Amino acid sequence: AIVDEVARSGAQALKLQTYRADTITIDVDGPAFRVSDDHSLWGGE
């Protein structure tokens, strides 16, 4: 549905992001692997 709406808008291009969780990071927890708590959208994730 997003593709359809982009086409209707007149924009020339659609862009995706191509990754899997394990190709962009590793499944480890801890402060270094968490978004800072004060982040407005993803704090603590």
PDB file of all heavy atoms in Angstrom:
ATOM      1  N   ALA A   1       0.838  -1.211   0.000  1.00  0.00           N
ATOM      2  CA  ALA A   1       0.000   0.000   0.000  1.00  0.00           C
ATOM      3  C   ALA A   1       0.868   1.254   0.000  1.00  0.00           C
ATOM      4  O   ALA A   1       0.527   2.254  -0.640  1.00  0.00           O
ATOM      5  CB  ALA A   1      -0.937  -0.008   1.204  1.00  0.00           C
ATOM      6  N   ILE A   2       1.997   1.208   0.715  1.00  0.00           N
ATOM      7  CA  ILE A   2       2.922   2.344   0.696  1.00  0.00           C
ATOM      8  C   ILE A   2       3.483   2.532  -0.718  1.00  0.00           C
ATOM      9  O   ILE A   2       3.582   3.663  -1.215  1.00  0.00           O
ATOM     10  CB  ILE A   2       4.053   2.139   1.719  1.00  0.00           C
ATOM     11  CG1 ILE A   2       3.496   2.243   3.151  1.00  0.00           C
ATOM     12  CG2 ILE A   2       5.164   3.169   1.523  1.00  0.00           C
ATOM     13  CD1 ILE A   2       4.498   1.911   4.243  1.00  0.00           C
ATOM     14  N   VAL A   3       3.840   1.439  -1.381  1.00  0.00           N
ATOM     15  CA  VAL A   3       4.324   1.534  -2.762  1.00  0.00           C
ATOM     16  C   VAL A   3       3.288   2.234  -3.636  1.00  0.00           C
ATOM     17  O   VAL A   3       3.603   3.143  -4.412  1.00  0.00           O
ATOM     18  CB  VAL A   3       4.638   0.133  -3.331  1.00  0.00           C
ATOM     19  CG1 VAL A   3       5.013   0.233  -4.812  1.00  0.00           C
ATOM     20  CG2 VAL A   3       5.763  -0.528  -2.549  1.00  0.00           C
ATOM     21  N   ASP A   4       2.030   1.819  -3.498  1.00  0.00           N
ATOM     22  CA  ASP A   4       0.957   2.405  -4.310  1.00  0.00           C
ATOM     23  C   ASP A   4       0.836   3.909  -4.062  1.00  0.00           C
ATOM     24  O   ASP A   4       0.676   4.703  -4.996  1.00  0.00           O
ATOM     25  CB  ASP A   4      -0.382   1.726  -3.996  1.00  0.00           C
ATOM     26  CG  ASP A   4      -0.411   0.265  -4.419  1.00  0.00           C
ATOM     27  OD1 ASP A   4       0.489  -0.154  -5.181  1.00  0.00           O
ATOM     28  OD2 ASP A   4      -1.320  -0.463  -3.970  1.00  0.00           O
ATOM     29  N   GLU A   5       0.912   4.315  -2.797  1.00  0.00           N
ATOM     30  CA  GLU A   5       0.761   5.731  -2.459  1.00  0.00           C
ATOM     31  C   GLU A   5       1.957   6.547  -2.951  1.00  0.00           C
ATOM     32  O   GLU A   5       1.799   7.696  -3.387  1.00  0.00           O
ATOM     33  CB  GLU A   5       0.573   5.907  -0.952  1.00  0.00           C
ATOM     34  CG  GLU A   5      -0.743   5.371  -0.417  1.00  0.00           C
ATOM     35  CD  GLU A   5      -1.947   6.112  -0.963  1.00  0.00           C
ATOM     36  OE1 GLU A   5      -1.804   7.235  -1.489  1.00  0.00           O
ATOM     37  OE2 GLU A   5      -3.057   5.558  -0.874  1.00  0.00           O
ATOM     38  N   VAL A   6       3.139   5.975  -2.884  1.00  0.00           N
ATOM     39  CA  VAL A   6       4.315   6.680  -3.402  1.00  0.00           C
ATOM     40  C   VAL A   6       4.155   6.912  -4.901  1.00  0.00           C
ATOM     41  O   VAL A   6       4.442   8.002  -5.412  1.00  0.00           O
ATOM     42  CB  VAL A   6       5.606   5.891  -3.098  1.00  0.00           C
ATOM     43  CG1 VAL A   6       6.801   6.487  -3.837  1.00  0.00           C
ATOM     44  CG2 VAL A   6       5.873   5.869  -1.596  1.00  0.00           C
ATOM     45  N   ALA A   7       3.665   5.911  -5.608  1.00  0.00           N
ATOM     46  CA  ALA A   7       3.462   6.071  -7.051  1.00  0.00           C
ATOM     47  C   ALA A   7       2.442   7.157  -7.340  1.00  0.00           C
ATOM     48  O   ALA A   7       2.623   7.969  -8.255  1.00  0.00           O
ATOM     49  CB  ALA A   7       3.023   4.747  -7.662  1.00  0.00           C
ATOM     50  N   ARG A   8       1.371   7.215  -6.549  1.00  0.00           N
ATOM     51  CA  ARG A   8       0.340   8.245  -6.758  1.00  0.00           C
ATOM     52  C   ARG A   8       0.863   9.642  -6.468  1.00  0.00           C
ATOM     53  O   ARG A   8       0.367  10.627  -7.020  1.00  0.00           O
ATOM     54  CB  ARG A   8      -0.873   7.967  -5.864  1.00  0.00           C
ATOM     55  CG  ARG A   8      -1.696   6.769  -6.270  1.00  0.00           C
ATOM     56  CD  ARG A   8      -3.021   6.702  -5.504  1.00  0.00           C
ATOM     57  NE  ARG A   8      -3.667   5.424  -5.704  1.00  0.00           N
ATOM     58  CZ  ARG A   8      -3.642   4.411  -4.837  1.00  0.00           C
ATOM     59  NH1 ARG A   8      -3.007   4.563  -3.684  1.00  0.00           N
ATOM     60  NH2 ARG A   8      -4.240   3.278  -5.100  1.00  0.00           N
ATOM     61  N   SER A   9       1.849   9.751  -5.599  1.00  0.00           N
ATOM     62  CA  SER A   9       2.334  11.068  -5.162  1.00  0.00           C
ATOM     63  C   SER A   9       3.089  11.812  -6.249  1.00  0.00           C
ATOM     64  O   SER A   9       3.231  13.029  -6.181  1.00  0.00           O
ATOM     65  CB  SER A   9       3.258  10.905  -3.955  1.00  0.00           C
ATOM     66  OG  SER A   9       4.525  10.389  -4.351  1.00  0.00           O
ATOM     67  N   GLY A  10       3.621  11.089  -7.222  1.00  0.00           N
ATOM     68  CA  GLY A  10       4.474  11.723  -8.228  1.00  0.00           C
ATOM     69  C   GLY A  10       5.953  11.641  -7.917  1.00  0.00           C
ATOM     70  O   GLY A  10       6.777  12.104  -8.709  1.00  0.00           O
ATOM     71  N   ALA A  11       6.316  11.072  -6.755  1.00  0.00           N
ATOM     72  CA  ALA A  11       7.734  10.865  -6.455  1.00  0.00           C
ATOM     73  C   ALA A  11       8.331   9.921  -7.487  1.00  0.00           C
ATOM     74  O   ALA A  11       7.662   9.027  -8.005  1.00  0.00           O
ATOM     75  CB  ALA A  11       7.900  10.295  -5.044  1.00  0.00           C
ATOM     76  N   GLN A  12       9.596  10.112  -7.790  1.00  0.00           N
ATOM     77  CA  GLN A  12      10.235   9.282  -8.809  1.00  0.00           C
ATOM     78  C   GLN A  12      10.739   7.951  -8.275  1.00  0.00           C
ATOM     79  O   GLN A  12      10.865   6.991  -9.034  1.00  0.00           O
ATOM     80  CB  GLN A  12      11.422  10.022  -9.437  1.00  0.00           C
ATOM     81  CG  GLN A  12      11.050  11.288 -10.189  1.00  0.00           C
ATOM     82  CD  GLN A  12      11.260  12.521  -9.349  1.00  0.00           C
ATOM     83  OE1 GLN A  12      10.922  12.546  -8.165  1.00  0.00           O
ATOM     84  NE2 GLN A  12      11.837  13.555  -9.936  1.00  0.00           N
ATOM     85  N   ALA A  13      11.051   7.891  -6.973  1.00  0.00           N
ATOM     86  CA  ALA A  13      11.750   6.704  -6.469  1.00  0.00           C
ATOM     87  C   ALA A  13      11.200   6.235  -5.128  1.00  0.00           C
ATOM     88  O   ALA A  13      10.737   7.030  -4.309  1.00  0.00           O
ATOM     89  CB  ALA A  13      13.247   6.993  -6.344  1.00  0.00           C
ATOM     90  N   LEU A  14      11.300   4.938  -4.937  1.00  0.00           N
ATOM     91  CA  LEU A  14      11.006   4.291  -3.660  1.00  0.00           C
ATOM     92  C   LEU A  14      12.285   3.649  -3.165  1.00  0.00           C
ATOM     93  O   LEU A  14      13.012   3.016  -3.942  1.00  0.00           O
ATOM     94  CB  LEU A  14       9.940   3.211  -3.851  1.00  0.00           C
ATOM     95  CG  LEU A  14       9.677   2.313  -2.635  1.00  0.00           C
ATOM     96  CD1 LEU A  14       8.816   3.048  -1.612  1.00  0.00           C
ATOM     97  CD2 LEU A  14       9.011   1.004  -3.047  1.00  0.00           C
ATOM     98  N   LYS A  15      12.578   3.809  -1.870  1.00  0.00           N
ATOM     99  CA  LYS A  15      13.790   3.202  -1.314  1.00  0.00           C
ATOM    100  C   LYS A  15      13.459   2.323  -0.127  1.00  0.00           C
ATOM    101  O   LYS A  15      12.616   2.674   0.714  1.00  0.00           O
ATOM    102  CB  LYS A  15      14.796   4.279  -0.893  1.00  0.00           C
ATOM    103  CG  LYS A  15      16.171   3.683  -0.586  1.00  0.00           C
ATOM    104  CD  LYS A  15      17.137   4.715  -0.073  1.00  0.00           C
ATOM    105  CE  LYS A  15      16.913   4.998   1.387  1.00  0.00           C
ATOM    106  NZ  LYS A  15      17.279   3.836   2.254  1.00  0.00           N
ATOM    107  N   LEU A  16      14.121   1.190  -0.077  1.00  0.00           N
ATOM    108  CA  LEU A  16      14.016   0.260   1.044  1.00  0.00           C
ATOM    109  C   LEU A  16      15.316   0.280   1.839  1.00  0.00           C
ATOM    110  O   LEU A  16      16.270   0.978   1.485  1.00  0.00           O
ATOM    111  CB  LEU A  16      13.761  -1.166   0.527  1.00  0.00           C
ATOM    112  CG  LEU A  16      12.625  -1.360  -0.470  1.00  0.00           C
ATOM    113  CD1 LEU A  16      12.540  -2.819  -0.892  1.00  0.00           C
ATOM    114  CD2 LEU A  16      11.306  -0.888   0.110  1.00  0.00           C
ATOM    115  N   GLN A  17      15.340  -0.510   2.916  1.00  0.00           N
ATOM    116  CA  GLN A  17      16.574  -0.785   3.641  1.00  0.00           C
ATOM    117  C   GLN A  17      16.738  -2.293   3.674  1.00  0.00           C
ATOM    118  O   GLN A  17      15.795  -3.015   4.029  1.00  0.00           O
ATOM    119  CB  GLN A  17      16.534  -0.208   5.056  1.00  0.00           C
ATOM    120  CG  GLN A  17      16.502   1.312   5.081  1.00  0.00           C
ATOM    121  CD  GLN A  17      16.558   1.871   6.484  1.00  0.00           C
ATOM    122  OE1 GLN A  17      16.627   1.135   7.469  1.00  0.00           O
ATOM    123  NE2 GLN A  17      16.528   3.187   6.589  1.00  0.00           N
ATOM    124  N   THR A  18      17.912  -2.768   3.302  1.00  0.00           N
ATOM    125  CA  THR A  18      18.130  -4.206   3.168  1.00  0.00           C
ATOM    126  C   THR A  18      19.131  -4.677   4.217  1.00  0.00           C
ATOM    127  O   THR A  18      20.343  -4.466   4.085  1.00  0.00           O
ATOM    128  CB  THR A  18      18.625  -4.545   1.750  1.00  0.00           C
ATOM    129  OG1 THR A  18      17.686  -4.036   0.792  1.00  0.00           O
ATOM    130  CG2 THR A  18      18.746  -6.054   1.568  1.00  0.00           C
ATOM    131  N   TYR A  19      18.582  -5.275   5.263  1.00  0.00           N
ATOM    132  CA  TYR A  19      19.404  -5.863   6.314  1.00  0.00           C
ATOM    133  C   TYR A  19      18.542  -6.855   7.081  1.00  0.00           C
ATOM    134  O   TYR A  19      17.314  -6.871   6.970  1.00  0.00           O
ATOM    135  CB  TYR A  19      19.940  -4.788   7.272  1.00  0.00           C
ATOM    136  CG  TYR A  19      18.870  -4.049   8.044  1.00  0.00           C
ATOM    137  CD1 TYR A  19      18.346  -4.553   9.228  1.00  0.00           C
ATOM    138  CD2 TYR A  19      18.370  -2.832   7.581  1.00  0.00           C
ATOM    139  CE1 TYR A  19      17.352  -3.874   9.939  1.00  0.00           C
ATOM    140  CE2 TYR A  19      17.384  -2.145   8.273  1.00  0.00           C
ATOM    141  CZ  TYR A  19      16.878  -2.679   9.452  1.00  0.00           C
ATOM    142  OH  TYR A  19      15.893  -2.012  10.132  1.00  0.00           O
ATOM    143  N   ARG A  20      19.194  -7.694   7.854  1.00  0.00           N
ATOM    144  CA  ARG A  20      18.549  -8.487   8.899  1.00  0.00           C
ATOM    145  C   ARG A  20      19.189  -8.073  10.215  1.00  0.00           C
ATOM    146  O   ARG A  20      20.278  -7.510  10.226  1.00  0.00           O
ATOM    147  CB  ARG A  20      18.733  -9.981   8.647  1.00  0.00           C
ATOM    148  CG  ARG A  20      18.050 -10.511   7.398  1.00  0.00           C
ATOM    149  CD  ARG A  20      18.120 -12.040   7.367  1.00  0.00           C
ATOM    150  NE  ARG A  20      19.495 -12.497   7.354  1.00  0.00           N
ATOM    151  CZ  ARG A  20      20.126 -12.954   6.266  1.00  0.00           C
ATOM    152  NH1 ARG A  20      19.488 -12.995   5.112  1.00  0.00           N
ATOM    153  NH2 ARG A  20      21.377 -13.352   6.334  1.00  0.00           N
ATOM    154  N   ALA A  21      18.528  -8.349  11.292  1.00  0.00           N
ATOM    155  CA  ALA A  21      19.086  -7.944  12.586  1.00  0.00           C
ATOM    156  C   ALA A  21      20.506  -8.471  12.751  1.00  0.00           C
ATOM    157  O   ALA A  21      21.392  -7.766  13.253  1.00  0.00           O
ATOM    158  CB  ALA A  21      18.195  -8.435  13.724  1.00  0.00           C
ATOM    159  N   ASP A  22      20.756  -9.721  12.283  1.00  0.00           N
ATOM    160  CA  ASP A  22      22.073 -10.302  12.505  1.00  0.00           C
ATOM    161  C   ASP A  22      23.096  -9.891  11.450  1.00  0.00           C
ATOM    162  O   ASP A  22      24.257 -10.302  11.538  1.00  0.00           O
ATOM    163  CB  ASP A  22      21.989 -11.828  12.603  1.00  0.00           C
ATOM    164  CG  ASP A  22      21.385 -12.479  11.375  1.00  0.00           C
ATOM    165  OD1 ASP A  22      21.062 -11.751  10.415  1.00  0.00           O
ATOM    166  OD2 ASP A  22      21.227 -13.711  11.369  1.00  0.00           O
ATOM    167  N   THR A  23      22.701  -9.077  10.451  1.00  0.00           N
ATOM    168  CA  THR A  23      23.694  -8.537   9.518  1.00  0.00           C
ATOM    169  C   THR A  23      24.068  -7.103   9.862  1.00  0.00           C
ATOM    170  O   THR A  23      25.005  -6.556   9.274  1.00  0.00           O
ATOM    171  CB  THR A  23      23.185  -8.574   8.054  1.00  0.00           C
ATOM    172  OG1 THR A  23      22.081  -7.678   7.909  1.00  0.00           O
ATOM    173  CG2 THR A  23      22.785  -9.977   7.637  1.00  0.00           C
ATOM    174  N   ILE A  24      23.356  -6.510  10.804  1.00  0.00           N
ATOM    175  CA  ILE A  24      23.624  -5.124  11.160  1.00  0.00           C
ATOM    176  C   ILE A  24      24.159  -5.006  12.589  1.00  0.00           C
ATOM    177  O   ILE A  24      24.814  -4.031  12.946  1.00  0.00           O
ATOM    178  CB  ILE A  24      22.357  -4.262  10.965  1.00  0.00           C
ATOM    179  CG1 ILE A  24      22.694  -2.783  10.882  1.00  0.00           C
ATOM    180  CG2 ILE A  24      21.316  -4.532  12.017  1.00  0.00           C
ATOM    181  CD1 ILE A  24      21.513  -1.907  10.468  1.00  0.00           C
ATOM    182  N   THR A  25      23.893  -6.047  13.418  1.00  0.00           N
ATOM    183  CA  THR A  25      24.410  -6.068  14.787  1.00  0.00           C
ATOM    184  C   THR A  25      24.445  -7.514  15.253  1.00  0.00           C
ATOM    185  O   THR A  25      24.314  -8.446  14.427  1.00  0.00           O
ATOM    186  CB  THR A  25      23.553  -5.179  15.713  1.00  0.00           C
ATOM    187  OG1 THR A  25      24.214  -5.034  16.984  1.00  0.00           O
ATOM    188  CG2 THR A  25      22.161  -5.732  15.905  1.00  0.00           C
ATOM    189  N   ILE A  26      24.621  -7.749  16.541  1.00  0.00           N
ATOM    190  CA  ILE A  26      24.578  -9.098  17.089  1.00  0.00           C
ATOM    191  C   ILE A  26      23.596  -9.118  18.262  1.00  0.00           C
ATOM    192  O   ILE A  26      23.274  -8.084  18.846  1.00  0.00           O
ATOM    193  CB  ILE A  26      25.963  -9.589  17.551  1.00  0.00           C
ATOM    194  CG1 ILE A  26      26.602  -8.594  18.531  1.00  0.00           C
ATOM    195  CG2 ILE A  26      26.862  -9.824  16.341  1.00  0.00           C
ATOM    196  CD1 ILE A  26      27.927  -9.062  19.118  1.00  0.00           C
ATOM    197  N   ASP A  27      23.126 -10.304  18.579  1.00  0.00           N
ATOM    198  CA  ASP A  27      22.109 -10.463  19.622  1.00  0.00           C
ATOM    199  C   ASP A  27      22.782 -10.488  20.997  1.00  0.00           C
ATOM    200  O   ASP A  27      22.983 -11.535  21.609  1.00  0.00           O
ATOM    201  CB  ASP A  27      21.314 -11.750  19.384  1.00  0.00           C
ATOM    202  CG  ASP A  27      20.085 -11.844  20.292  1.00  0.00           C
ATOM    203  OD1 ASP A  27      19.820 -10.864  21.023  1.00  0.00           O
ATOM    204  OD2 ASP A  27      19.407 -12.885  20.256  1.00  0.00           O
ATOM    205  N   VAL A  28      23.150  -9.281  21.427  1.00  0.00           N
ATOM    206  CA  VAL A  28      23.810  -9.097  22.717  1.00  0.00           C
ATOM    207  C   VAL A  28      23.128  -7.938  23.408  1.00  0.00           C
ATOM    208  O   VAL A  28      22.734  -6.959  22.766  1.00  0.00           O
ATOM    209  CB  VAL A  28      25.321  -8.787  22.528  1.00  0.00           C
ATOM    210  CG1 VAL A  28      25.954  -8.331  23.843  1.00  0.00           C
ATOM    211  CG2 VAL A  28      26.042 -10.009  21.988  1.00  0.00           C
ATOM    212  N   ASP A  29      22.954  -8.037  24.717  1.00  0.00           N
ATOM    213  CA  ASP A  29      22.368  -6.931  25.456  1.00  0.00           C
ATOM    214  C   ASP A  29      23.453  -6.256  26.288  1.00  0.00           C
ATOM    215  O   ASP A  29      24.532  -6.794  26.488  1.00  0.00           O
ATOM    216  CB  ASP A  29      21.226  -7.418  26.347  1.00  0.00           C
ATOM    217  CG  ASP A  29      20.214  -6.329  26.640  1.00  0.00           C
ATOM    218  OD1 ASP A  29      20.430  -5.186  26.174  1.00  0.00           O
ATOM    219  OD2 ASP A  29      19.214  -6.598  27.317  1.00  0.00           O
ATOM    220  N   GLY A  30      23.144  -5.077  26.784  1.00  0.00           N
ATOM    221  CA  GLY A  30      24.105  -4.297  27.542  1.00  0.00           C
ATOM    222  C   GLY A  30      24.063  -2.867  27.071  1.00  0.00           C
ATOM    223  O   GLY A  30      23.534  -2.569  25.992  1.00  0.00           O
ATOM    224  N   PRO A  31      24.611  -1.931  27.836  1.00  0.00           N
ATOM    225  CA  PRO A  31      24.508  -0.505  27.513  1.00  0.00           C
ATOM    226  C   PRO A  31      24.979  -0.147  26.111  1.00  0.00           C
ATOM    227  O   PRO A  31      24.361   0.679  25.443  1.00  0.00           O
ATOM    228  CB  PRO A  31      25.392   0.153  28.584  1.00  0.00           C
ATOM    229  CG  PRO A  31      25.375  -0.800  29.727  1.00  0.00           C
ATOM    230  CD  PRO A  31      25.309  -2.170  29.118  1.00  0.00           C
ATOM    231  N   ALA A  32      26.049  -0.766  25.637  1.00  0.00           N
ATOM    232  CA  ALA A  32      26.561  -0.422  24.303  1.00  0.00           C
ATOM    233  C   ALA A  32      25.609  -0.841  23.207  1.00  0.00           C
ATOM    234  O   ALA A  32      25.612  -0.257  22.116  1.00  0.00           O
ATOM    235  CB  ALA A  32      27.924  -1.070  24.085  1.00  0.00           C
ATOM    236  N   PHE A  33      24.780  -1.839  23.487  1.00  0.00           N
ATOM    237  CA  PHE A  33      23.868  -2.374  22.485  1.00  0.00           C
ATOM    238  C   PHE A  33      22.432  -1.920  22.723  1.00  0.00           C
ATOM    239  O   PHE A  33      21.486  -2.547  22.243  1.00  0.00           O
ATOM    240  CB  PHE A  33      23.956  -3.906  22.461  1.00  0.00           C
ATOM    241  CG  PHE A  33      25.224  -4.411  21.844  1.00  0.00           C
ATOM    242  CD1 PHE A  33      26.371  -4.569  22.613  1.00  0.00           C
ATOM    243  CD2 PHE A  33      25.288  -4.717  20.497  1.00  0.00           C
ATOM    244  CE1 PHE A  33      27.555  -5.017  22.038  1.00  0.00           C
ATOM    245  CE2 PHE A  33      26.458  -5.170  19.916  1.00  0.00           C
ATOM    246  CZ  PHE A  33      27.602  -5.312  20.687  1.00  0.00           C
ATOM    247  N   ARG A  34      22.281  -0.810  23.428  1.00  0.00           N
ATOM    248  CA  ARG A  34      20.964  -0.218  23.632  1.00  0.00           C
ATOM    249  C   ARG A  34      20.989   1.252  23.202  1.00  0.00           C
ATOM    250  O   ARG A  34      21.994   1.930  23.360  1.00  0.00           O
ATOM    251  CB  ARG A  34      20.528  -0.300  25.101  1.00  0.00           C
ATOM    252  CG  ARG A  34      20.097  -1.696  25.522  1.00  0.00           C
ATOM    253  CD  ARG A  34      19.549  -1.741  26.932  1.00  0.00           C
ATOM    254  NE  ARG A  34      18.996  -3.054  27.217  1.00  0.00           N
ATOM    255  CZ  ARG A  34      17.733  -3.415  26.980  1.00  0.00           C
ATOM    256  NH1 ARG A  34      16.897  -2.523  26.467  1.00  0.00           N
ATOM    257  NH2 ARG A  34      17.314  -4.636  27.263  1.00  0.00           N
ATOM    258  N   VAL A  35      19.886   1.715  22.659  1.00  0.00           N
ATOM    259  CA  VAL A  35      19.744   3.141  22.368  1.00  0.00           C
ATOM    260  C   VAL A  35      19.697   3.883  23.694  1.00  0.00           C
ATOM    261  O   VAL A  35      19.083   3.410  24.667  1.00  0.00           O
ATOM    262  CB  VAL A  35      18.456   3.398  21.540  1.00  0.00           C
ATOM    263  CG1 VAL A  35      18.318   4.882  21.219  1.00  0.00           C
ATOM    264  CG2 VAL A  35      18.452   2.559  20.268  1.00  0.00           C
ATOM    265  N   SER A  36      20.328   5.034  23.754  1.00  0.00           N
ATOM    266  CA  SER A  36      20.354   5.807  25.005  1.00  0.00           C
ATOM    267  C   SER A  36      18.943   6.069  25.509  1.00  0.00           C
ATOM    268  O   SER A  36      18.012   6.309  24.727  1.00  0.00           O
ATOM    269  CB  SER A  36      21.086   7.134  24.791  1.00  0.00           C
ATOM    270  OG  SER A  36      22.429   6.899  24.417  1.00  0.00           O
ATOM    271  N   ASP A  37      18.791   6.052  26.810  1.00  0.00           N
ATOM    272  CA  ASP A  37      17.469   6.172  27.429  1.00  0.00           C
ATOM    273  C   ASP A  37      16.759   7.468  27.064  1.00  0.00           C
ATOM    274  O   ASP A  37      15.527   7.521  27.017  1.00  0.00           O
ATOM    275  CB  ASP A  37      17.582   6.073  28.957  1.00  0.00           C
ATOM    276  CG  ASP A  37      17.908   4.662  29.427  1.00  0.00           C
ATOM    277  OD1 ASP A  37      17.648   3.713  28.657  1.00  0.00           O
ATOM    278  OD2 ASP A  37      18.433   4.524  30.539  1.00  0.00           O
ATOM    279  N   ASP A  38      17.518   8.537  26.796  1.00  0.00           N
ATOM    280  CA  ASP A  38      16.887   9.833  26.542  1.00  0.00           C
ATOM    281  C   ASP A  38      16.510  10.038  25.071  1.00  0.00           C
ATOM    282  O   ASP A  38      16.056  11.114  24.692  1.00  0.00           O
ATOM    283  CB  ASP A  38      17.792  10.975  27.020  1.00  0.00           C
ATOM    284  CG  ASP A  38      19.153  10.988  26.325  1.00  0.00           C
ATOM    285  OD1 ASP A  38      19.427  10.064  25.527  1.00  0.00           O
ATOM    286  OD2 ASP A  38      19.933  11.918  26.587  1.00  0.00           O
ATOM    287  N   HIS A  39      16.689   9.012  24.243  1.00  0.00           N
ATOM    288  CA  HIS A  39      16.304   9.158  22.835  1.00  0.00           C
ATOM    289  C   HIS A  39      14.790   9.296  22.729  1.00  0.00           C
ATOM    290  O   HIS A  39      14.037   8.543  23.352  1.00  0.00           O
ATOM    291  CB  HIS A  39      16.776   7.941  22.026  1.00  0.00           C
ATOM    292  CG  HIS A  39      16.708   8.155  20.545  1.00  0.00           C
ATOM    293  ND1 HIS A  39      15.524   8.067  19.834  1.00  0.00           N
ATOM    294  CD2 HIS A  39      17.667   8.458  19.635  1.00  0.00           C
ATOM    295  CE1 HIS A  39      15.763   8.299  18.555  1.00  0.00           C
ATOM    296  NE2 HIS A  39      17.054   8.545  18.410  1.00  0.00           N
ATOM    297  N   SER A  40      14.338  10.266  21.916  1.00  0.00           N
ATOM    298  CA  SER A  40      12.904  10.599  21.895  1.00  0.00           C
ATOM    299  C   SER A  40      12.036   9.511  21.298  1.00  0.00           C
ATOM    300  O   SER A  40      10.844   9.428  21.609  1.00  0.00           O
ATOM    301  CB  SER A  40      12.682  11.901  21.113  1.00  0.00           C
ATOM    302  OG  SER A  40      13.102  11.766  19.769  1.00  0.00           O
ATOM    303  N   LEU A  41      12.588   8.661  20.439  1.00  0.00           N
ATOM    304  CA  LEU A  41      11.770   7.616  19.809  1.00  0.00           C
ATOM    305  C   LEU A  41      12.089   6.215  20.312  1.00  0.00           C
ATOM    306  O   LEU A  41      11.177   5.419  20.555  1.00  0.00           O
ATOM    307  CB  LEU A  41      11.971   7.646  18.280  1.00  0.00           C
ATOM    308  CG  LEU A  41      11.446   8.855  17.524  1.00  0.00           C
ATOM    309  CD1 LEU A  41      11.599   8.621  16.028  1.00  0.00           C
ATOM    310  CD2 LEU A  41       9.984   9.127  17.856  1.00  0.00           C
ATOM    311  N   TRP A  42      13.368   5.891  20.401  1.00  0.00           N
ATOM    312  CA  TRP A  42      13.758   4.504  20.640  1.00  0.00           C
ATOM    313  C   TRP A  42      14.529   4.335  21.951  1.00  0.00           C
ATOM    314  O   TRP A  42      15.314   3.394  22.102  1.00  0.00           O
ATOM    315  CB  TRP A  42      14.608   4.001  19.473  1.00  0.00           C
ATOM    316  CG  TRP A  42      13.986   4.291  18.126  1.00  0.00           C
ATOM    317  CD1 TRP A  42      12.706   4.046  17.750  1.00  0.00           C
ATOM    318  CD2 TRP A  42      14.631   4.899  16.996  1.00  0.00           C
ATOM    319  NE1 TRP A  42      12.493   4.448  16.458  1.00  0.00           N
ATOM    320  CE2 TRP A  42      13.657   4.974  15.960  1.00  0.00           C
ATOM    321  CE3 TRP A  42      15.915   5.361  16.740  1.00  0.00           C
ATOM    322  CZ2 TRP A  42      13.941   5.511  14.710  1.00  0.00           C
ATOM    323  CZ3 TRP A  42      16.204   5.892  15.495  1.00  0.00           C
ATOM    324  CH2 TRP A  42      15.226   5.966  14.498  1.00  0.00           C
ATOM    325  N   GLY A  43      14.314   5.257  22.880  1.00  0.00           N
ATOM    326  CA  GLY A  43      15.059   5.243  24.134  1.00  0.00           C
ATOM    327  C   GLY A  43      15.025   3.896  24.826  1.00  0.00           C
ATOM    328  O   GLY A  43      13.945   3.341  25.078  1.00  0.00           O
ATOM    329  N   GLY A  44      16.214   3.364  25.160  1.00  0.00           N
ATOM    330  CA  GLY A  44      16.329   2.133  25.920  1.00  0.00           C
ATOM    331  C   GLY A  44      16.172   0.862  25.112  1.00  0.00           C
ATOM    332  O   GLY A  44      16.335  -0.240  25.651  1.00  0.00           O
ATOM    333  N   GLU A  45      15.863   0.962  23.828  1.00  0.00           N
ATOM    334  CA  GLU A  45      15.615  -0.254  23.043  1.00  0.00           C
ATOM    335  C   GLU A  45      16.921  -0.985  22.728  1.00  0.00           C
ATOM    336  O   GLU A  45      17.937  -0.386  22.403  1.00  0.00           O
ATOM    337  CB  GLU A  45      14.903   0.081  21.732  1.00  0.00           C
ATOM    338  CG  GLU A  45      13.455   0.511  21.917  1.00  0.00           C
ATOM    339  CD  GLU A  45      12.557  -0.002  20.791  1.00  0.00           C
ATOM    340  OE1 GLU A  45      12.727  -1.161  20.358  1.00  0.00           O
ATOM    341  OE2 GLU A  45      11.699   0.775  20.345  1.00  0.00           O
TER     342      GLU A  45
END
